[in-house]
Amino acid sequence: MPDGSEYAGMTKNQKYEGKGRLTHANGDIYQGNWVDGKAHGKGVFAEKGGSYYDGEWVKDVQHGKGKEVWE
């Protein structure tokens, strides 16, 4: 991507769809389910510094059950 981010996974209509992994240019990573280009369903967001959230997402927002750990 132009900003240096990298995506590996499934796509549909040029949007993230299904399972995939997005590594942001700053080193943060989201790995999990995507719907219409947004984190949706089960997934893990891990910051480069070690903090992470493992749980449910709805339209790119943490929603539902999950575990958040701060370094």
PDB file of N, CA and C in Angstrom:
ATOM      1  N   MET A   1       0.832  -1.173   0.000  1.00  0.00           N
ATOM      2  CA  MET A   1       0.000   0.000   0.000  1.00  0.00           C
ATOM      3  C   MET A   1       0.883   1.245   0.000  1.00  0.00           C
ATOM      4  N   PRO A   2       0.381   2.361  -0.418  1.00  0.00           N
ATOM      5  CA  PRO A   2       1.189   3.588  -0.499  1.00  0.00           C
ATOM      6  C   PRO A   2       1.830   4.001   0.829  1.00  0.00           C
ATOM      7  N   ASP A   3       1.143   3.731   1.963  1.00  0.00           N
ATOM      8  CA  ASP A   3       1.700   4.150   3.257  1.00  0.00           C
ATOM      9  C   ASP A   3       2.681   3.138   3.843  1.00  0.00           C
ATOM     10  N   GLY A   4       2.922   2.023   3.157  1.00  0.00           N
ATOM     11  CA  GLY A   4       3.854   1.010   3.634  1.00  0.00           C
ATOM     12  C   GLY A   4       3.184  -0.153   4.343  1.00  0.00           C
ATOM     13  N   SER A   5       1.875  -0.100   4.525  1.00  0.00           N
ATOM     14  CA  SER A   5       1.145  -1.213   5.133  1.00  0.00           C
ATOM     15  C   SER A   5       1.104  -2.388   4.156  1.00  0.00           C
ATOM     16  N   GLU A   6       0.929  -3.599   4.709  1.00  0.00           N
ATOM     17  CA  GLU A   6       0.851  -4.799   3.875  1.00  0.00           C
ATOM     18  C   GLU A   6      -0.333  -5.645   4.308  1.00  0.00           C
ATOM     19  N   TYR A   7      -1.067  -6.172   3.332  1.00  0.00           N
ATOM     20  CA  TYR A   7      -2.207  -7.052   3.601  1.00  0.00           C
ATOM     21  C   TYR A   7      -1.970  -8.387   2.924  1.00  0.00           C
ATOM     22  N   ALA A   8      -2.249  -9.453   3.666  1.00  0.00           N
ATOM     23  CA  ALA A   8      -2.191 -10.802   3.107  1.00  0.00           C
ATOM     24  C   ALA A   8      -3.484 -11.499   3.496  1.00  0.00           C
ATOM     25  N   GLY A   9      -4.264 -11.893   2.508  1.00  0.00           N
ATOM     26  CA  GLY A   9      -5.500 -12.583   2.819  1.00  0.00           C
ATOM     27  C   GLY A   9      -6.494 -12.503   1.681  1.00  0.00           C
ATOM     28  N   MET A  10      -7.724 -12.779   2.033  1.00  0.00           N
ATOM     29  CA  MET A  10      -8.801 -12.846   1.051  1.00  0.00           C
ATOM     30  C   MET A  10      -9.342 -11.447   0.757  1.00  0.00           C
ATOM     31  N   THR A  11      -9.835 -11.277  -0.462  1.00  0.00           N
ATOM     32  CA  THR A  11     -10.460 -10.017  -0.861  1.00  0.00           C
ATOM     33  C   THR A  11     -11.705 -10.307  -1.690  1.00  0.00           C
ATOM     34  N   LYS A  12     -12.553  -9.284  -1.792  1.00  0.00           N
ATOM     35  CA  LYS A  12     -13.743  -9.365  -2.635  1.00  0.00           C
ATOM     36  C   LYS A  12     -14.052  -7.946  -3.081  1.00  0.00           C
ATOM     37  N   ASN A  13     -14.183  -7.744  -4.370  1.00  0.00           N
ATOM     38  CA  ASN A  13     -14.443  -6.412  -4.920  1.00  0.00           C
ATOM     39  C   ASN A  13     -13.405  -5.393  -4.452  1.00  0.00           C
ATOM     40  N   GLN A  14     -12.157  -5.811  -4.415  1.00  0.00           N
ATOM     41  CA  GLN A  14     -11.013  -4.976  -4.038  1.00  0.00           C
ATOM     42  C   GLN A  14     -11.088  -4.468  -2.596  1.00  0.00           C
ATOM     43  N   LYS A  15     -11.772  -5.215  -1.716  1.00  0.00           N
ATOM     44  CA  LYS A  15     -11.819  -4.906  -0.288  1.00  0.00           C
ATOM     45  C   LYS A  15     -11.449  -6.159   0.482  1.00  0.00           C
ATOM     46  N   TYR A  16     -10.917  -5.984   1.686  1.00  0.00           N
ATOM     47  CA  TYR A  16     -10.605  -7.132   2.531  1.00  0.00           C
ATOM     48  C   TYR A  16     -11.904  -7.866   2.844  1.00  0.00           C
ATOM     49  N   GLU A  17     -11.876  -9.200   2.715  1.00  0.00           N
ATOM     50  CA  GLU A  17     -13.070 -10.001   2.935  1.00  0.00           C
ATOM     51  C   GLU A  17     -12.657 -11.407   3.320  1.00  0.00           C
ATOM     52  N   GLY A  18     -13.202 -11.930   4.415  1.00  0.00           N
ATOM     53  CA  GLY A  18     -12.813 -13.256   4.878  1.00  0.00           C
ATOM     54  C   GLY A  18     -11.682 -13.144   5.875  1.00  0.00           C
ATOM     55  N   LYS A  19     -10.763 -14.079   5.824  1.00  0.00           N
ATOM     56  CA  LYS A  19      -9.633 -14.067   6.766  1.00  0.00           C
ATOM     57  C   LYS A  19      -8.448 -13.345   6.145  1.00  0.00           C
ATOM     58  N   GLY A  20      -7.737 -12.572   6.994  1.00  0.00           N
ATOM     59  CA  GLY A  20      -6.576 -11.861   6.493  1.00  0.00           C
ATOM     60  C   GLY A  20      -5.776 -11.215   7.598  1.00  0.00           C
ATOM     61  N   ARG A  21      -4.626 -10.698   7.209  1.00  0.00           N
ATOM     62  CA  ARG A  21      -3.692 -10.067   8.148  1.00  0.00           C
ATOM     63  C   ARG A  21      -3.230  -8.742   7.551  1.00  0.00           C
ATOM     64  N   LEU A  22      -3.431  -7.665   8.307  1.00  0.00           N
ATOM     65  CA  LEU A  22      -2.987  -6.340   7.899  1.00  0.00           C
ATOM     66  C   LEU A  22      -1.872  -5.899   8.831  1.00  0.00           C
ATOM     67  N   THR A  23      -0.703  -5.661   8.259  1.00  0.00           N
ATOM     68  CA  THR A  23       0.423  -5.134   9.018  1.00  0.00           C
ATOM     69  C   THR A  23       0.552  -3.666   8.646  1.00  0.00           C
ATOM     70  N   HIS A  24       0.303  -2.800   9.627  1.00  0.00           N
ATOM     71  CA  HIS A  24       0.379  -1.357   9.400  1.00  0.00           C
ATOM     72  C   HIS A  24       1.843  -0.929   9.282  1.00  0.00           C
ATOM     73  N   ALA A  25       2.070   0.190   8.653  1.00  0.00           N
ATOM     74  CA  ALA A  25       3.428   0.702   8.452  1.00  0.00           C
ATOM     75  C   ALA A  25       4.149   0.920   9.787  1.00  0.00           C
ATOM     76  N   ASN A  26       3.406   1.215  10.865  1.00  0.00           N
ATOM     77  CA  ASN A  26       4.032   1.455  12.171  1.00  0.00           C
ATOM     78  C   ASN A  26       4.324   0.170  12.937  1.00  0.00           C
ATOM     79  N   GLY A  27       3.974  -0.991  12.368  1.00  0.00           N
ATOM     80  CA  GLY A  27       4.253  -2.280  12.998  1.00  0.00           C
ATOM     81  C   GLY A  27       3.064  -2.906  13.708  1.00  0.00           C
ATOM     82  N   ASP A  28       1.959  -2.170  13.899  1.00  0.00           N
ATOM     83  CA  ASP A  28       0.746  -2.746  14.481  1.00  0.00           C
ATOM     84  C   ASP A  28       0.156  -3.764  13.511  1.00  0.00           C
ATOM     85  N   ILE A  29      -0.510  -4.794  14.055  1.00  0.00           N
ATOM     86  CA  ILE A  29      -1.051  -5.874  13.222  1.00  0.00           C
ATOM     87  C   ILE A  29      -2.485  -6.188  13.625  1.00  0.00           C
ATOM     88  N   TYR A  30      -3.359  -6.337  12.640  1.00  0.00           N
ATOM     89  CA  TYR A  30      -4.684  -6.918  12.858  1.00  0.00           C
ATOM     90  C   TYR A  30      -4.742  -8.201  12.048  1.00  0.00           C
ATOM     91  N   GLN A  31      -5.127  -9.283  12.739  1.00  0.00           N
ATOM     92  CA  GLN A  31      -5.291 -10.560  12.057  1.00  0.00           C
ATOM     93  C   GLN A  31      -6.629 -11.139  12.474  1.00  0.00           C
ATOM     94  N   GLY A  32      -7.439 -11.449  11.474  1.00  0.00           N
ATOM     95  CA  GLY A  32      -8.743 -12.022  11.782  1.00  0.00           C
ATOM     96  C   GLY A  32      -9.700 -11.911  10.622  1.00  0.00           C
ATOM     97  N   ASN A  33     -10.960 -11.752  10.955  1.00  0.00           N
ATOM     98  CA  ASN A  33     -12.023 -11.716   9.950  1.00  0.00           C
ATOM     99  C   ASN A  33     -12.285 -10.294   9.468  1.00  0.00           C
ATOM    100  N   TRP A  34     -12.645 -10.199   8.185  1.00  0.00           N
ATOM    101  CA  TRP A  34     -12.947  -8.926   7.530  1.00  0.00           C
ATOM    102  C   TRP A  34     -14.277  -9.045   6.803  1.00  0.00           C
ATOM    103  N   VAL A  35     -15.051  -7.952   6.797  1.00  0.00           N
ATOM    104  CA  VAL A  35     -16.275  -7.858   6.011  1.00  0.00           C
ATOM    105  C   VAL A  35     -16.293  -6.464   5.391  1.00  0.00           C
ATOM    106  N   ASP A  36     -16.379  -6.404   4.083  1.00  0.00           N
ATOM    107  CA  ASP A  36     -16.466  -5.140   3.362  1.00  0.00           C
ATOM    108  C   ASP A  36     -15.328  -4.173   3.716  1.00  0.00           C
ATOM    109  N   GLY A  37     -14.117  -4.735   3.878  1.00  0.00           N
ATOM    110  CA  GLY A  37     -12.940  -3.908   4.133  1.00  0.00           C
ATOM    111  C   GLY A  37     -12.730  -3.491   5.573  1.00  0.00           C
ATOM    112  N   LYS A  38     -13.557  -4.024   6.504  1.00  0.00           N
ATOM    113  CA  LYS A  38     -13.445  -3.635   7.913  1.00  0.00           C
ATOM    114  C   LYS A  38     -13.295  -4.868   8.788  1.00  0.00           C
ATOM    115  N   ALA A  39     -12.558  -4.696   9.907  1.00  0.00           N
ATOM    116  CA  ALA A  39     -12.451  -5.773  10.882  1.00  0.00           C
ATOM    117  C   ALA A  39     -13.854  -6.079  11.400  1.00  0.00           C
ATOM    118  N   HIS A  40     -14.265  -7.347  11.291  1.00  0.00           N
ATOM    119  CA  HIS A  40     -15.635  -7.703  11.657  1.00  0.00           C
ATOM    120  C   HIS A  40     -15.666  -9.195  11.987  1.00  0.00           C
ATOM    121  N   GLY A  41     -16.053  -9.524  13.219  1.00  0.00           N
ATOM    122  CA  GLY A  41     -16.031 -10.911  13.661  1.00  0.00           C
ATOM    123  C   GLY A  41     -14.907 -11.093  14.662  1.00  0.00           C
ATOM    124  N   LYS A  42     -14.276 -12.244  14.660  1.00  0.00           N
ATOM    125  CA  LYS A  42     -13.187 -12.549  15.592  1.00  0.00           C
ATOM    126  C   LYS A  42     -11.867 -12.063  15.022  1.00  0.00           C
ATOM    127  N   GLY A  43     -11.056 -11.403  15.885  1.00  0.00           N
ATOM    128  CA  GLY A  43      -9.759 -10.954  15.426  1.00  0.00           C
ATOM    129  C   GLY A  43      -8.882 -10.462  16.561  1.00  0.00           C
ATOM    130  N   VAL A  44      -7.601 -10.308  16.243  1.00  0.00           N
ATOM    131  CA  VAL A  44      -6.609  -9.837  17.210  1.00  0.00           C
ATOM    132  C   VAL A  44      -5.911  -8.613  16.644  1.00  0.00           C
ATOM    133  N   PHE A  45      -5.877  -7.545  17.442  1.00  0.00           N
ATOM    134  CA  PHE A  45      -5.120  -6.352  17.093  1.00  0.00           C
ATOM    135  C   PHE A  45      -3.978  -6.253  18.080  1.00  0.00           C
ATOM    136  N   ALA A  46      -2.753  -6.291  17.579  1.00  0.00           N
ATOM    137  CA  ALA A  46      -1.563  -6.227  18.430  1.00  0.00           C
ATOM    138  C   ALA A  46      -0.730  -5.002  18.066  1.00  0.00           C
ATOM    139  N   GLU A  47      -0.457  -4.180  19.089  1.00  0.00           N
ATOM    140  CA  GLU A  47       0.387  -3.014  18.871  1.00  0.00           C
ATOM    141  C   GLU A  47       1.851  -3.431  18.927  1.00  0.00           C
ATOM    142  N   LYS A  48       2.677  -2.700  18.234  1.00  0.00           N
ATOM    143  CA  LYS A  48       4.105  -2.988  18.172  1.00  0.00           C
ATOM    144  C   LYS A  48       4.721  -3.064  19.571  1.00  0.00           C
ATOM    145  N   GLY A  49       4.212  -2.246  20.504  1.00  0.00           N
ATOM    146  CA  GLY A  49       4.752  -2.205  21.867  1.00  0.00           C
ATOM    147  C   GLY A  49       4.377  -3.374  22.742  1.00  0.00           C
ATOM    148  N   GLY A  50       3.446  -4.231  22.324  1.00  0.00           N
ATOM    149  CA  GLY A  50       3.104  -5.416  23.096  1.00  0.00           C
ATOM    150  C   GLY A  50       1.663  -5.465  23.583  1.00  0.00           C
ATOM    151  N   SER A  51       0.945  -4.350  23.613  1.00  0.00           N
ATOM    152  CA  SER A  51      -0.459  -4.361  24.003  1.00  0.00           C
ATOM    153  C   SER A  51      -1.277  -5.029  22.899  1.00  0.00           C
ATOM    154  N   TYR A  52      -2.403  -5.687  23.301  1.00  0.00           N
ATOM    155  CA  TYR A  52      -3.232  -6.305  22.279  1.00  0.00           C
ATOM    156  C   TYR A  52      -4.680  -6.443  22.737  1.00  0.00           C
ATOM    157  N   TYR A  53      -5.561  -6.620  21.774  1.00  0.00           N
ATOM    158  CA  TYR A  53      -6.968  -6.935  22.005  1.00  0.00           C
ATOM    159  C   TYR A  53      -7.285  -8.175  21.186  1.00  0.00           C
ATOM    160  N   ASP A  54      -7.847  -9.177  21.837  1.00  0.00           N
ATOM    161  CA  ASP A  54      -8.241 -10.428  21.192  1.00  0.00           C
ATOM    162  C   ASP A  54      -9.725 -10.613  21.469  1.00  0.00           C
ATOM    163  N   GLY A  55     -10.541 -10.442  20.440  1.00  0.00           N
ATOM    164  CA  GLY A  55     -11.969 -10.573  20.680  1.00  0.00           C
ATOM    165  C   GLY A  55     -12.808 -10.267  19.462  1.00  0.00           C
ATOM    166  N   GLU A  56     -13.997  -9.764  19.727  1.00  0.00           N
ATOM    167  CA  GLU A  56     -14.981  -9.529  18.675  1.00  0.00           C
ATOM    168  C   GLU A  56     -14.921  -8.085  18.174  1.00  0.00           C
ATOM    169  N   TRP A  57     -15.209  -7.932  16.881  1.00  0.00           N
ATOM    170  CA  TRP A  57     -15.189  -6.634  16.206  1.00  0.00           C
ATOM    171  C   TRP A  57     -16.467  -6.466  15.395  1.00  0.00           C
ATOM    172  N   VAL A  58     -16.931  -5.210  15.285  1.00  0.00           N
ATOM    173  CA  VAL A  58     -18.038  -4.865  14.405  1.00  0.00           C
ATOM    174  C   VAL A  58     -17.652  -3.580  13.683  1.00  0.00           C
ATOM    175  N   LYS A  59     -17.522  -3.657  12.366  1.00  0.00           N
ATOM    176  CA  LYS A  59     -17.186  -2.499  11.524  1.00  0.00           C
ATOM    177  C   LYS A  59     -15.982  -1.711  12.058  1.00  0.00           C
ATOM    178  N   ASP A  60     -14.875  -2.401  12.312  1.00  0.00           N
ATOM    179  CA  ASP A  60     -13.600  -1.807  12.752  1.00  0.00           C
ATOM    180  C   ASP A  60     -13.588  -1.331  14.207  1.00  0.00           C
ATOM    181  N   VAL A  61     -14.608  -1.685  14.993  1.00  0.00           N
ATOM    182  CA  VAL A  61     -14.670  -1.253  16.391  1.00  0.00           C
ATOM    183  C   VAL A  61     -14.740  -2.482  17.291  1.00  0.00           C
ATOM    184  N   GLN A  62     -13.960  -2.471  18.382  1.00  0.00           N
ATOM    185  CA  GLN A  62     -14.043  -3.554  19.357  1.00  0.00           C
ATOM    186  C   GLN A  62     -15.468  -3.583  19.898  1.00  0.00           C
ATOM    187  N   HIS A  63     -16.089  -4.769  19.862  1.00  0.00           N
ATOM    188  CA  HIS A  63     -17.493  -4.864  20.255  1.00  0.00           C
ATOM    189  C   HIS A  63     -17.788  -6.292  20.684  1.00  0.00           C
ATOM    190  N   GLY A  64     -18.378  -6.456  21.852  1.00  0.00           N
ATOM    191  CA  GLY A  64     -18.701  -7.793  22.324  1.00  0.00           C
ATOM    192  C   GLY A  64     -17.649  -8.284  23.294  1.00  0.00           C
ATOM    193  N   LYS A  65     -17.436  -9.575  23.315  1.00  0.00           N
ATOM    194  CA  LYS A  65     -16.489 -10.177  24.261  1.00  0.00           C
ATOM    195  C   LYS A  65     -15.072 -10.119  23.703  1.00  0.00           C
ATOM    196  N   GLY A  66     -14.127  -9.885  24.619  1.00  0.00           N
ATOM    197  CA  GLY A  66     -12.726  -9.867  24.207  1.00  0.00           C
ATOM    198  C   GLY A  66     -11.834  -9.688  25.411  1.00  0.00           C
ATOM    199  N   LYS A  67     -10.554  -9.769  25.161  1.00  0.00           N
ATOM    200  CA  LYS A  67      -9.539  -9.606  26.199  1.00  0.00           C
ATOM    201  C   LYS A  67      -8.571  -8.538  25.719  1.00  0.00           C
ATOM    202  N   GLU A  68      -8.352  -7.540  26.570  1.00  0.00           N
ATOM    203  CA  GLU A  68      -7.425  -6.477  26.236  1.00  0.00           C
ATOM    204  C   GLU A  68      -6.297  -6.486  27.252  1.00  0.00           C
ATOM    205  N   VAL A  69      -5.069  -6.457  26.758  1.00  0.00           N
ATOM    206  CA  VAL A  69      -3.885  -6.500  27.621  1.00  0.00           C
ATOM    207  C   VAL A  69      -2.992  -5.325  27.276  1.00  0.00           C
ATOM    208  N   TRP A  70      -2.632  -4.559  28.283  1.00  0.00           N
ATOM    209  CA  TRP A  70      -1.750  -3.405  28.088  1.00  0.00           C
ATOM    210  C   TRP A  70      -0.381  -3.706  28.664  1.00  0.00           C
ATOM    211  N   GLU A  71       0.644  -3.333  27.938  1.00  0.00           N
ATOM    212  CA  GLU A  71       2.010  -3.554  28.401  1.00  0.00           C
ATOM    213  C   GLU A  71       2.294  -2.685  29.600  1.00  0.00           C
TER     214      GLU A  71
END
